[in-house]
N, C-alpha and C. Protein backbone atom coordinates (compact mmCIF):
# COMPACT_ATOMS: atom_id res chain seq x y z
N MET A 1 -69.06 241.34 -61.42
CA MET A 1 -69.45 242.37 -62.34
C MET A 1 -68.87 244.00 -61.69
N VAL A 2 -68.77 243.63 -60.51
CA VAL A 2 -68.03 244.97 -60.15
C VAL A 2 -66.25 245.19 -60.16
N LYS A 3 -66.02 243.69 -60.47
CA LYS A 3 -64.24 243.95 -61.09
C LYS A 3 -64.30 245.12 -62.74
N LYS A 4 -65.47 243.93 -63.42
CA LYS A 4 -65.53 244.71 -64.30
C LYS A 4 -65.63 246.56 -64.75
N SER A 5 -67.07 246.45 -64.71
CA SER A 5 -67.47 247.83 -63.88
C SER A 5 -65.98 249.41 -63.98
N SER A 6 -65.15 248.16 -62.63
CA SER A 6 -63.65 248.71 -62.11
C SER A 6 -63.05 248.84 -62.86
N THR A 7 -62.66 247.73 -63.31
CA THR A 7 -61.63 247.68 -64.63
C THR A 7 -61.68 249.06 -65.94
N TRP A 8 -63.20 249.45 -66.12
CA TRP A 8 -63.44 249.95 -67.02
C TRP A 8 -63.46 251.51 -66.84
N ALA A 9 -63.50 251.49 -65.35
CA ALA A 9 -63.41 252.80 -64.71
C ALA A 9 -61.64 253.46 -64.71
N ASN A 10 -61.05 252.04 -64.27
CA ASN A 10 -59.63 252.84 -64.56
C ASN A 10 -59.41 253.19 -65.81
N PHE A 11 -59.47 252.60 -66.75
CA PHE A 11 -59.05 251.94 -68.23
C PHE A 11 -59.63 254.05 -68.65
N LYS A 12 -60.82 254.29 -67.94
CA LYS A 12 -61.33 255.67 -68.82
C LYS A 12 -60.45 256.62 -68.08
N GLU A 13 -59.81 256.78 -66.69
CA GLU A 13 -59.59 257.52 -66.10
C GLU A 13 -58.31 257.72 -66.71
N LYS A 14 -57.15 256.87 -67.11
CA LYS A 14 -55.79 256.70 -67.44
C LYS A 14 -55.88 257.51 -68.73
N THR A 15 -57.49 256.73 -69.55
CA THR A 15 -57.35 257.31 -71.30
C THR A 15 -57.16 259.13 -71.10
N GLN A 16 -58.51 259.34 -70.45
CA GLN A 16 -58.61 260.34 -69.92
C GLN A 16 -57.45 261.20 -69.75
N TYR A 17 -56.91 261.44 -68.53
CA TYR A 17 -55.78 261.76 -68.42
C TYR A 17 -54.29 261.91 -69.63
N TYR A 18 -54.41 260.75 -70.09
CA TYR A 18 -53.22 260.54 -71.26
C TYR A 18 -53.66 261.63 -72.18
N LEU A 19 -54.94 261.64 -72.26
CA LEU A 19 -55.76 262.46 -73.38
C LEU A 19 -55.46 264.31 -73.00
N PHE A 20 -56.19 264.43 -71.90
CA PHE A 20 -56.09 265.79 -71.43
C PHE A 20 -54.61 266.16 -70.33
N GLY A 21 -53.58 265.34 -70.36
CA GLY A 21 -53.02 265.61 -69.60
C GLY A 21 -52.21 266.49 -69.37
N PRO A 22 -51.82 266.95 -71.21
CA PRO A 22 -50.99 268.40 -70.87
C PRO A 22 -51.70 269.83 -70.02
N HIS A 23 -52.80 269.70 -70.37
CA HIS A 23 -53.52 270.57 -69.41
C HIS A 23 -53.86 270.45 -67.71
N LEU A 24 -53.11 269.43 -67.04
CA LEU A 24 -53.83 268.89 -65.65
C LEU A 24 -52.47 269.01 -64.89
N GLU A 25 -52.82 269.63 -63.90
CA GLU A 25 -51.79 269.80 -63.01
C GLU A 25 -51.31 268.27 -62.59
N LYS A 26 -50.21 267.85 -61.96
CA LYS A 26 -49.78 266.85 -61.37
C LYS A 26 -51.19 266.52 -60.28
N GLY A 27 -51.43 265.21 -60.70
CA GLY A 27 -52.37 264.62 -59.09
C GLY A 27 -53.51 265.31 -59.86
N GLU A 28 -54.03 266.07 -60.10
CA GLU A 28 -55.42 266.47 -60.29
C GLU A 28 -56.60 265.30 -61.66
N LYS A 29 -57.41 265.39 -61.00
CA LYS A 29 -58.64 264.08 -61.02
C LYS A 29 -59.95 264.84 -62.34
N ILE A 30 -59.42 264.42 -63.22
CA ILE A 30 -60.77 264.84 -63.59
C ILE A 30 -61.97 264.71 -63.12
N LEU A 31 -62.99 264.80 -62.96
CA LEU A 31 -64.13 264.70 -62.67
C LEU A 31 -66.07 264.49 -63.38
N PHE A 32 -65.39 265.40 -64.45
CA PHE A 32 -66.86 265.50 -65.64
C PHE A 32 -66.09 265.83 -66.76
N ILE A 33 -66.48 265.89 -67.65
CA ILE A 33 -66.22 266.28 -69.14
C ILE A 33 -67.12 266.95 -69.73
N ALA A 34 -67.41 267.85 -70.13
CA ALA A 34 -68.75 268.49 -70.53
C ALA A 34 -68.44 268.84 -72.24
N HIS A 35 -69.31 267.79 -72.85
CA HIS A 35 -69.08 268.24 -74.49
C HIS A 35 -69.92 268.83 -75.22
N ARG A 36 -69.63 269.16 -76.63
CA ARG A 36 -70.74 269.93 -77.57
C ARG A 36 -71.16 268.74 -77.74
N HIS A 37 -73.11 268.82 -78.34
CA HIS A 37 -73.43 267.63 -78.47
C HIS A 37 -73.01 266.97 -79.83
N PRO A 38 -73.13 265.88 -80.25
CA PRO A 38 -72.31 265.24 -81.20
C PRO A 38 -73.27 265.11 -82.62
N PHE A 39 -74.87 265.46 -82.01
CA PHE A 39 -75.10 265.75 -83.29
C PHE A 39 -74.82 266.99 -84.42
N LEU A 40 -73.97 267.48 -83.96
CA LEU A 40 -73.36 268.93 -85.15
C LEU A 40 -72.69 268.29 -85.52
N MET A 41 -72.15 266.97 -85.46
CA MET A 41 -71.36 266.18 -86.16
C MET A 41 -71.92 265.94 -87.77
N ILE A 42 -73.62 265.11 -87.37
CA ILE A 42 -73.94 264.74 -88.70
C ILE A 42 -73.66 265.33 -89.66
N LYS A 43 -74.51 266.89 -90.03
CA LYS A 43 -74.19 267.43 -91.26
C LYS A 43 -72.93 267.63 -91.91
N LYS A 44 -71.56 268.29 -91.06
CA LYS A 44 -70.89 267.73 -91.74
C LYS A 44 -69.71 266.62 -92.16
N GLY A 45 -70.61 265.84 -91.28
CA GLY A 45 -69.65 263.80 -91.67
C GLY A 45 -70.54 263.68 -93.04
N PHE A 46 -71.53 263.90 -92.92
CA PHE A 46 -72.89 263.31 -94.01
C PHE A 46 -71.90 264.32 -95.53
N LYS A 47 -71.32 265.77 -95.07
CA LYS A 47 -70.66 266.63 -96.24
C LYS A 47 -69.39 265.91 -96.82
N ILE A 48 -69.02 264.95 -95.47
CA ILE A 48 -67.45 264.50 -96.51
C ILE A 48 -67.47 263.17 -96.40
N PHE A 49 -68.48 262.58 -95.87
CA PHE A 49 -68.74 261.04 -96.23
C PHE A 49 -69.35 261.47 -98.46
N ILE A 50 -70.12 262.45 -98.68
CA ILE A 50 -70.67 262.06 -100.02
C ILE A 50 -69.02 263.02 -101.07
N LEU A 51 -68.29 264.18 -100.34
CA LEU A 51 -67.42 264.41 -101.12
C LEU A 51 -65.96 263.85 -101.11
N HIS A 52 -65.71 263.05 -100.12
CA HIS A 52 -64.27 262.53 -99.87
C HIS A 52 -63.92 260.99 -99.90
N PHE A 53 -65.84 260.25 -100.16
CA PHE A 53 -65.90 258.84 -100.23
C PHE A 53 -66.81 258.53 -101.44
N PHE A 54 -67.91 258.63 -101.37
CA PHE A 54 -68.65 258.64 -102.57
C PHE A 54 -68.31 258.88 -103.56
N ILE A 55 -68.25 259.73 -103.75
CA ILE A 55 -67.64 260.50 -105.18
C ILE A 55 -66.02 259.83 -105.71
N PRO A 56 -65.40 259.59 -104.94
CA PRO A 56 -64.08 259.48 -105.58
C PRO A 56 -64.10 257.73 -105.53
N ILE A 57 -64.87 257.10 -104.54
CA ILE A 57 -65.01 255.68 -105.20
C ILE A 57 -65.65 255.66 -106.29
N PHE A 58 -66.64 256.12 -106.48
CA PHE A 58 -67.59 255.92 -107.62
C PHE A 58 -66.85 256.09 -109.21
N LEU A 59 -65.76 257.59 -109.30
CA LEU A 59 -65.22 257.88 -110.32
C LEU A 59 -63.97 256.88 -110.20
N TRP A 60 -63.47 255.86 -108.87
CA TRP A 60 -62.84 254.95 -109.33
C TRP A 60 -62.86 253.87 -110.20
N GLN A 61 -64.45 253.92 -109.68
CA GLN A 61 -64.96 252.69 -110.68
C GLN A 61 -64.89 252.69 -112.44
N VAL A 62 -64.83 253.88 -112.48
CA VAL A 62 -65.19 254.78 -113.72
C VAL A 62 -64.13 254.97 -114.40
N PHE A 63 -62.78 255.21 -113.73
CA PHE A 63 -61.53 255.82 -114.11
C PHE A 63 -60.83 255.30 -113.21
N PRO A 64 -59.60 253.73 -113.42
CA PRO A 64 -59.21 252.77 -112.48
C PRO A 64 -58.18 253.19 -112.93
N GLU A 65 -57.88 254.10 -113.95
CA GLU A 65 -56.42 253.81 -114.63
C GLU A 65 -55.63 255.28 -113.34
N ILE A 66 -56.75 255.69 -113.33
CA ILE A 66 -55.90 256.93 -112.72
C ILE A 66 -56.27 257.33 -110.80
N TRP A 67 -56.10 255.21 -110.55
CA TRP A 67 -56.65 255.47 -109.10
C TRP A 67 -55.79 256.16 -108.03
N PHE A 68 -54.56 256.60 -108.34
CA PHE A 68 -53.72 257.14 -107.06
C PHE A 68 -54.13 258.12 -106.44
N ALA A 69 -54.65 258.97 -108.21
CA ALA A 69 -55.77 260.16 -107.69
C ALA A 69 -56.54 260.11 -106.95
N PHE A 70 -57.86 259.17 -107.07
CA PHE A 70 -58.97 259.09 -105.93
C PHE A 70 -58.59 258.25 -104.32
N LEU A 71 -57.64 257.48 -104.43
CA LEU A 71 -56.82 256.96 -103.33
C LEU A 71 -56.07 258.57 -102.41
N VAL A 72 -55.86 259.40 -102.72
CA VAL A 72 -54.78 260.38 -102.25
C VAL A 72 -55.94 261.45 -101.78
N TRP A 73 -57.43 261.46 -102.49
CA TRP A 73 -58.33 261.47 -102.20
C TRP A 73 -59.28 261.36 -101.29
N LEU A 74 -59.76 259.56 -101.26
CA LEU A 74 -60.12 259.60 -99.76
C LEU A 74 -58.88 259.45 -98.48
N LEU A 75 -57.58 259.59 -98.65
CA LEU A 75 -57.17 259.91 -97.52
C LEU A 75 -57.17 261.06 -97.40
N TYR A 76 -57.45 262.34 -97.82
CA TYR A 76 -57.76 263.38 -97.27
C TYR A 76 -59.22 263.54 -96.72
N GLY A 77 -60.26 263.12 -96.67
CA GLY A 77 -61.21 262.43 -96.46
C GLY A 77 -61.13 261.77 -94.98
N VAL A 78 -60.29 260.69 -95.26
CA VAL A 78 -60.06 260.22 -93.30
C VAL A 78 -59.37 261.09 -92.88
N ILE A 79 -58.52 261.76 -93.39
CA ILE A 79 -57.99 263.41 -92.03
C ILE A 79 -59.59 264.43 -91.82
N ALA A 80 -59.74 264.75 -92.72
CA ALA A 80 -61.39 265.59 -92.38
C ALA A 80 -62.07 264.78 -91.70
N LEU A 81 -62.16 263.40 -91.81
CA LEU A 81 -63.02 263.42 -90.78
C LEU A 81 -62.68 262.91 -89.15
N ASN A 82 -61.24 262.62 -89.32
CA ASN A 82 -60.57 262.46 -87.73
C ASN A 82 -60.94 264.13 -87.15
N LYS A 83 -60.43 264.51 -88.04
CA LYS A 83 -60.25 266.38 -87.57
C LYS A 83 -61.60 266.47 -87.28
N MET A 84 -62.26 266.43 -88.03
CA MET A 84 -63.58 266.92 -86.67
C MET A 84 -64.53 266.19 -85.81
N MET A 85 -63.79 264.60 -85.52
CA MET A 85 -63.77 263.84 -84.44
C MET A 85 -63.40 264.19 -83.15
N PHE A 86 -61.69 264.62 -83.64
CA PHE A 86 -60.69 264.90 -82.51
C PHE A 86 -61.84 266.54 -82.28
N ASN A 87 -61.79 267.74 -83.36
CA ASN A 87 -62.40 268.85 -83.18
C ASN A 87 -63.70 268.58 -82.07
N TRP A 88 -64.72 267.72 -81.78
CA TRP A 88 -65.37 267.36 -80.95
C TRP A 88 -65.08 267.02 -80.10
N TYR A 89 -64.50 266.15 -79.70
CA TYR A 89 -63.52 265.30 -78.38
C TYR A 89 -62.68 266.66 -77.64
N PHE A 90 -62.18 267.38 -77.96
CA PHE A 90 -61.04 268.12 -77.75
C PHE A 90 -62.21 269.31 -76.99
N ASP A 91 -62.97 269.89 -77.62
CA ASP A 91 -62.90 271.22 -77.10
C ASP A 91 -64.49 270.76 -76.07
N VAL A 92 -63.76 271.45 -74.67
CA VAL A 92 -64.68 270.44 -73.55
C VAL A 92 -64.23 271.71 -72.50
N ILE A 93 -65.28 271.40 -71.45
CA ILE A 93 -65.27 271.99 -70.33
C ILE A 93 -64.82 271.18 -69.40
N LEU A 94 -63.27 271.37 -68.78
CA LEU A 94 -62.76 269.38 -67.90
C LEU A 94 -63.42 270.15 -66.12
N VAL A 95 -64.26 269.43 -65.30
CA VAL A 95 -64.43 269.58 -64.03
C VAL A 95 -63.40 268.47 -63.66
N THR A 96 -62.59 269.39 -62.91
CA THR A 96 -61.69 268.59 -61.98
C THR A 96 -60.97 268.77 -60.43
N ASP A 97 -60.56 268.22 -59.66
CA ASP A 97 -60.88 268.12 -58.28
C ASP A 97 -60.68 269.78 -57.87
N LEU A 98 -59.87 270.51 -58.75
CA LEU A 98 -59.06 271.81 -58.59
C LEU A 98 -59.66 272.84 -59.03
N THR A 99 -60.17 272.65 -60.34
CA THR A 99 -60.69 274.10 -60.97
C THR A 99 -61.90 273.21 -62.39
N LEU A 100 -61.78 274.63 -62.98
CA LEU A 100 -62.66 274.48 -64.20
C LEU A 100 -61.50 274.60 -65.64
N ILE A 101 -61.27 273.91 -66.58
CA ILE A 101 -60.37 274.37 -67.60
C ILE A 101 -61.42 274.18 -69.02
N ASP A 102 -61.12 275.20 -69.70
CA ASP A 102 -61.73 275.24 -71.13
C ASP A 102 -60.65 274.82 -71.63
N VAL A 103 -60.85 274.14 -72.92
CA VAL A 103 -59.64 273.50 -73.46
C VAL A 103 -60.38 273.67 -75.24
N THR A 104 -59.47 274.30 -75.79
CA THR A 104 -60.03 274.09 -77.32
C THR A 104 -58.75 273.89 -78.17
N TRP A 105 -59.38 272.88 -79.08
CA TRP A 105 -58.47 271.55 -79.76
C TRP A 105 -57.94 272.80 -81.40
N ASN A 106 -57.48 273.13 -81.82
CA ASN A 106 -57.08 273.63 -83.01
C ASN A 106 -56.31 272.77 -84.08
N GLY A 107 -55.76 271.64 -83.87
CA GLY A 107 -55.36 270.76 -83.91
C GLY A 107 -54.26 270.02 -83.39
N PRO A 108 -53.55 269.24 -83.93
CA PRO A 108 -52.64 268.03 -83.34
C PRO A 108 -51.59 269.21 -82.05
N PHE A 109 -50.72 270.43 -82.83
CA PHE A 109 -50.11 271.07 -82.23
C PHE A 109 -50.85 271.76 -81.94
N ASP A 110 -52.06 272.39 -81.92
CA ASP A 110 -52.19 273.67 -82.04
C ASP A 110 -53.38 273.51 -80.64
N ARG A 111 -53.13 273.41 -79.35
CA ARG A 111 -53.76 273.14 -78.31
C ARG A 111 -54.33 274.48 -76.84
N ASN A 112 -54.50 275.29 -77.15
CA ASN A 112 -54.83 275.65 -75.07
C ASN A 112 -56.01 275.66 -74.59
N SER A 113 -56.09 275.89 -73.18
CA SER A 113 -56.32 276.07 -71.77
C SER A 113 -56.05 277.17 -70.91
N VAL A 114 -57.94 277.58 -70.53
CA VAL A 114 -58.15 278.54 -69.80
C VAL A 114 -58.52 277.79 -68.60
N ARG A 115 -58.13 278.50 -67.23
CA ARG A 115 -58.50 277.52 -65.95
C ARG A 115 -59.33 279.18 -65.03
N LEU A 116 -60.58 278.24 -64.50
CA LEU A 116 -60.70 279.50 -63.66
C LEU A 116 -61.43 278.73 -62.35
N GLU A 117 -60.95 279.40 -60.92
CA GLU A 117 -61.12 278.45 -60.22
C GLU A 117 -62.35 278.56 -58.85
N TYR A 118 -62.60 277.44 -58.81
CA TYR A 118 -63.74 277.47 -58.12
C TYR A 118 -64.38 278.16 -57.14
N PRO A 119 -63.18 279.16 -56.64
CA PRO A 119 -64.02 280.53 -55.76
C PRO A 119 -64.42 281.27 -56.50
N ASN A 120 -63.11 281.92 -57.69
CA ASN A 120 -63.88 282.81 -58.62
C ASN A 120 -65.20 282.58 -59.50
N VAL A 121 -66.18 281.52 -59.37
CA VAL A 121 -67.30 281.24 -60.07
C VAL A 121 -68.33 281.54 -59.52
N GLU A 122 -69.09 283.18 -59.87
CA GLU A 122 -70.45 283.86 -59.74
C GLU A 122 -71.43 283.01 -59.87
N GLY A 123 -71.53 282.90 -61.47
CA GLY A 123 -72.97 282.33 -62.03
C GLY A 123 -72.82 281.27 -63.21
N ILE A 124 -74.06 280.43 -63.75
CA ILE A 124 -73.89 279.90 -65.07
C ILE A 124 -74.64 280.57 -65.53
N THR A 125 -74.93 280.76 -66.68
CA THR A 125 -75.93 281.37 -68.13
C THR A 125 -76.07 280.24 -68.88
N ASN A 126 -77.20 279.73 -69.19
CA ASN A 126 -77.92 278.74 -70.04
C ASN A 126 -78.21 279.73 -71.30
N LYS A 127 -78.16 279.58 -72.40
CA LYS A 127 -78.83 280.15 -73.50
C LYS A 127 -79.43 279.11 -74.50
N PHE A 128 -80.55 278.58 -74.63
CA PHE A 128 -81.08 278.27 -75.89
C PHE A 128 -81.02 279.00 -76.79
N LYS A 129 -81.21 278.49 -78.34
CA LYS A 129 -81.67 279.52 -79.48
C LYS A 129 -82.07 278.15 -80.54
N GLY A 130 -83.63 278.24 -80.67
CA GLY A 130 -83.69 277.93 -81.81
C GLY A 130 -84.99 276.65 -82.16
N PHE A 131 -85.20 275.96 -82.70
CA PHE A 131 -85.74 275.31 -82.92
C PHE A 131 -85.00 273.60 -82.26
N LEU A 132 -84.06 273.36 -82.63
CA LEU A 132 -83.30 272.04 -82.59
C LEU A 132 -82.60 272.31 -81.25
N GLN A 133 -81.94 273.06 -80.87
CA GLN A 133 -81.27 273.25 -79.45
C GLN A 133 -82.50 272.91 -78.27
N THR A 134 -83.92 273.18 -78.78
CA THR A 134 -84.94 273.36 -77.57
C THR A 134 -85.11 271.66 -77.66
N VAL A 135 -85.32 271.16 -78.32
CA VAL A 135 -86.02 269.25 -78.69
C VAL A 135 -84.68 269.09 -78.26
N PHE A 136 -83.82 269.04 -79.02
CA PHE A 136 -82.29 268.32 -78.68
C PHE A 136 -81.54 268.54 -77.41
N ASN A 137 -81.90 269.29 -76.35
CA ASN A 137 -81.48 269.92 -75.18
C ASN A 137 -79.93 270.71 -75.41
N TYR A 138 -79.44 271.24 -76.35
CA TYR A 138 -78.20 271.40 -76.31
C TYR A 138 -78.16 272.81 -76.43
N GLY A 139 -76.90 273.93 -75.84
CA GLY A 139 -77.19 275.09 -76.41
C GLY A 139 -75.72 275.84 -75.59
N LEU A 140 -75.90 277.16 -75.58
CA LEU A 140 -74.69 277.69 -74.80
C LEU A 140 -74.24 277.86 -73.23
N ILE A 141 -72.98 277.47 -73.03
CA ILE A 141 -73.47 277.86 -70.91
C ILE A 141 -71.68 278.52 -71.25
N GLN A 142 -72.49 279.51 -70.32
CA GLN A 142 -71.21 280.20 -69.81
C GLN A 142 -71.24 280.36 -68.21
N ILE A 143 -69.62 280.59 -67.80
CA ILE A 143 -69.37 280.27 -66.67
C ILE A 143 -69.04 281.98 -66.20
N ASN A 144 -69.33 282.77 -65.36
CA ASN A 144 -69.16 283.92 -65.11
C ASN A 144 -68.14 284.59 -63.55
N ARG A 145 -67.20 285.06 -64.05
CA ARG A 145 -66.46 285.22 -63.05
C ARG A 145 -66.75 286.23 -62.24
N GLU A 146 -66.49 286.07 -60.94
CA GLU A 146 -67.00 286.63 -59.74
C GLU A 146 -66.51 288.32 -59.53
N SER A 147 -65.58 288.56 -60.47
CA SER A 147 -65.30 289.85 -60.81
C SER A 147 -66.01 290.69 -61.83
N GLY A 148 -67.07 289.92 -62.79
CA GLY A 148 -67.68 290.45 -63.94
C GLY A 148 -67.14 289.29 -64.93
N GLY A 149 -68.36 289.46 -66.15
CA GLY A 149 -68.10 288.72 -67.19
C GLY A 149 -68.03 287.50 -67.24
N VAL A 150 -67.58 287.23 -68.97
CA VAL A 150 -67.66 285.77 -68.50
C VAL A 150 -66.58 284.92 -68.92
N GLY A 151 -66.07 284.00 -68.01
CA GLY A 151 -64.55 283.24 -67.64
C GLY A 151 -64.34 282.29 -68.63
N LEU A 152 -65.72 281.28 -68.68
CA LEU A 152 -65.60 280.33 -69.58
C LEU A 152 -66.94 279.84 -70.01
N GLU A 153 -66.98 279.46 -71.66
CA GLU A 153 -68.28 279.18 -72.03
C GLU A 153 -67.74 278.14 -73.16
N LEU A 154 -68.91 277.48 -73.47
CA LEU A 154 -69.15 276.16 -74.15
C LEU A 154 -70.25 276.19 -75.27
N LYS A 155 -69.81 276.21 -76.05
CA LYS A 155 -71.22 276.54 -77.73
C LYS A 155 -71.58 275.12 -77.61
N ASP A 156 -72.95 274.92 -78.21
CA ASP A 156 -73.55 273.87 -78.47
C ASP A 156 -73.23 272.85 -77.26
N ALA A 157 -73.34 272.86 -76.23
CA ALA A 157 -73.06 271.76 -74.95
C ALA A 157 -74.30 271.20 -74.94
N VAL A 158 -74.07 269.60 -74.76
CA VAL A 158 -74.88 268.98 -74.49
C VAL A 158 -75.84 268.67 -73.05
N ASN A 159 -76.76 269.11 -72.34
CA ASN A 159 -77.58 269.39 -71.65
C ASN A 159 -76.83 270.41 -70.39
N PRO A 160 -76.94 271.87 -71.01
CA PRO A 160 -76.52 272.80 -70.04
C PRO A 160 -76.80 272.90 -68.62
N ALA A 161 -78.06 272.23 -68.69
CA ALA A 161 -78.61 272.32 -67.17
C ALA A 161 -78.05 271.20 -66.14
N ARG A 162 -78.05 269.91 -66.82
CA ARG A 162 -76.87 269.30 -66.22
C ARG A 162 -75.76 269.47 -65.59
N ILE A 163 -74.75 270.26 -67.13
CA ILE A 163 -73.39 271.03 -66.73
C ILE A 163 -73.78 271.50 -65.59
N GLU A 164 -74.38 272.45 -65.65
CA GLU A 164 -74.18 273.56 -64.63
C GLU A 164 -74.66 273.44 -63.09
N SER A 165 -75.69 271.57 -62.94
CA SER A 165 -75.64 271.21 -61.49
C SER A 165 -74.16 270.64 -61.02
N VAL A 166 -74.15 269.76 -62.24
CA VAL A 166 -72.71 269.64 -61.71
C VAL A 166 -71.53 270.27 -61.58
N ILE A 167 -71.37 271.19 -62.21
CA ILE A 167 -69.82 272.31 -61.53
C ILE A 167 -70.48 272.78 -60.32
N MET A 168 -71.55 273.39 -59.81
CA MET A 168 -72.06 274.03 -59.05
C MET A 168 -71.86 272.97 -57.75
N SER A 169 -72.08 271.62 -58.08
CA SER A 169 -71.99 270.58 -56.85
C SER A 169 -70.94 270.35 -56.59
N TYR A 170 -69.64 270.19 -57.44
CA TYR A 170 -68.34 270.41 -57.04
C TYR A 170 -67.74 271.71 -56.56
N LYS A 171 -67.98 272.90 -56.53
CA LYS A 171 -67.81 274.00 -56.72
C LYS A 171 -68.05 274.16 -55.08
N GLU A 172 -69.27 273.37 -54.03
CA GLU A 172 -69.94 273.33 -53.33
C GLU A 172 -68.69 272.60 -52.24
N LYS A 173 -68.40 271.55 -53.16
CA LYS A 173 -67.60 270.21 -52.52
C LYS A 173 -66.11 270.70 -51.91
N TYR A 174 -65.62 271.52 -53.06
CA TYR A 174 -64.41 271.93 -53.15
C TYR A 174 -64.31 273.43 -51.79
N LEU A 175 -64.96 274.40 -51.64
CA LEU A 175 -64.70 275.56 -50.87
C LEU A 175 -65.24 274.80 -49.94
N GLU A 176 -66.23 273.70 -49.09
CA GLU A 176 -66.58 273.11 -47.87
C GLU A 176 -64.80 272.21 -47.55
N ASP A 177 -64.62 271.23 -48.11
CA ASP A 177 -63.25 270.88 -48.52
C ASP A 177 -61.77 271.37 -47.99
N LYS A 178 -62.30 272.94 -48.51
CA LYS A 178 -60.82 273.68 -48.56
C LYS A 178 -61.28 274.78 -47.16
N SER A 179 -62.55 274.88 -46.44
CA SER A 179 -62.75 275.59 -45.34
C SER A 179 -62.25 274.30 -44.04
N PHE A 180 -62.78 273.13 -44.55
CA PHE A 180 -62.07 271.83 -43.27
C PHE A 180 -60.79 272.01 -43.05
N GLU A 181 -60.03 271.85 -44.26
CA GLU A 181 -58.43 272.13 -44.35
C GLU A 181 -58.08 273.38 -43.36
N GLU A 182 -58.57 274.82 -43.48
CA GLU A 182 -58.15 275.42 -43.18
C GLU A 182 -58.49 275.45 -41.82
N THR A 183 -60.26 275.46 -41.50
CA THR A 183 -60.01 275.33 -40.04
C THR A 183 -58.63 274.35 -39.53
N LYS A 184 -58.96 272.92 -39.87
CA LYS A 184 -58.14 272.13 -39.25
C LYS A 184 -56.52 272.82 -38.73
N THR A 185 -56.24 273.28 -39.91
CA THR A 185 -54.83 273.78 -39.66
C THR A 185 -54.81 275.10 -38.90
N LEU A 186 -55.67 275.82 -38.74
CA LEU A 186 -55.95 276.85 -37.73
C LEU A 186 -56.12 276.11 -35.97
N LYS A 187 -56.53 274.41 -36.32
CA LYS A 187 -56.91 274.08 -35.02
C LYS A 187 -55.44 274.09 -34.46
N LYS A 188 -54.72 273.16 -35.49
CA LYS A 188 -53.52 272.60 -35.48
C LYS A 188 -52.67 273.79 -34.57
N LEU A 189 -52.45 274.75 -35.43
CA LEU A 189 -51.29 276.01 -35.60
C LEU A 189 -51.77 276.71 -33.76
N LEU A 190 -53.34 276.66 -33.18
CA LEU A 190 -53.65 276.79 -31.87
C LEU A 190 -52.90 275.72 -30.96
N SER A 191 -53.07 274.57 -31.27
CA SER A 191 -52.70 273.75 -30.65
C SER A 191 -51.28 273.84 -30.12
N GLU A 192 -50.43 274.03 -30.77
CA GLU A 192 -49.51 274.08 -31.08
C GLU A 192 -48.42 275.47 -30.39
N MET A 193 -49.57 276.54 -30.33
CA MET A 193 -49.22 277.68 -29.50
C MET A 193 -49.49 277.45 -28.06
N VAL A 194 -50.70 277.01 -28.20
CA VAL A 194 -50.41 276.57 -26.37
C VAL A 194 -49.79 275.77 -25.55
N LYS A 195 -49.65 274.67 -26.38
CA LYS A 195 -48.42 273.31 -25.75
C LYS A 195 -46.95 274.41 -25.71
N LYS A 196 -46.61 275.63 -26.98
CA LYS A 196 -45.49 276.22 -26.82
C LYS A 196 -45.74 276.93 -25.41
N HIS A 197 -47.10 277.72 -24.98
CA HIS A 197 -46.99 278.99 -23.73
C HIS A 197 -46.72 278.04 -22.81
N ALA A 198 -47.55 276.79 -23.11
CA ALA A 198 -47.65 276.01 -21.56
C ALA A 198 -46.56 275.44 -21.28
N GLN A 199 -45.44 275.31 -22.13
CA GLN A 199 -44.16 274.82 -21.98
C GLN A 199 -43.02 276.23 -21.11
N GLU A 200 -43.04 277.19 -21.76
CA GLU A 200 -42.57 278.49 -21.78
C GLU A 200 -43.29 278.71 -20.03
N MET A 201 -44.28 278.24 -19.66
CA MET A 201 -44.91 278.20 -18.01
C MET A 201 -43.83 278.01 -17.51
N LYS A 202 -43.77 277.13 -17.90
CA LYS A 202 -43.05 275.45 -16.95
C LYS A 202 -41.68 275.82 -16.88
N GLU A 203 -41.33 276.45 -17.79
CA GLU A 203 -40.24 276.80 -17.47
C GLU A 203 -39.79 278.44 -16.87
N VAL A 204 -40.33 278.92 -16.96
CA VAL A 204 -40.65 280.19 -16.29
C VAL A 204 -40.87 279.55 -14.50
N GLU A 205 -41.64 278.92 -13.66
CA GLU A 205 -41.95 278.02 -12.78
C GLU A 205 -40.69 277.63 -12.59
N VAL A 206 -40.30 276.95 -13.44
CA VAL A 206 -38.87 276.51 -12.93
C VAL A 206 -37.26 277.02 -12.38
N ASP A 207 -37.38 278.67 -13.41
CA ASP A 207 -36.52 279.11 -13.01
C ASP A 207 -36.97 280.04 -11.96
N PHE A 208 -38.09 280.28 -11.41
CA PHE A 208 -38.71 280.98 -10.50
C PHE A 208 -37.74 280.28 -8.94
């Protein structure tokens, strides 16, 4: 059971790195992905299904002689459906071991990202508006810069409170690790200085 879970975790990690790889630095690991609520796809998905699947299939049965036109209509529906799903999946905030990355997907050849370093994260604001956002627990999450203003934001984010908790937790861990590394480096530097000074004192004593 543990082996199966480990295999799935490795597959998931490799898939995420492959999909979001263009936005990551070498060796950077994705720790958490903040998505928009999939509930938002229901209305648009239903409209695509009616306009680009139900209607052309119905008309295909009525006018089979122009089947090619309805086939093109259906293919357009498949493209529209995939575009909607990719737009949902790739519009995210990535929480990595190095930084926060706001990824925006406008098409297969039009993607961009903005980074916000953990030390520059001042605070996080959550905003819920309306009945649906309150009931289904999704809303706007804004990550503020230390210098002032909004650094990153994700509209209709799933469970903003959990996202805030995850980000602040990883920020604290990042700062602790960085502080530990700086202390370790300082101790090493001081140790080398002491050794060098001791060696110089020995050389002075020998010359004397």
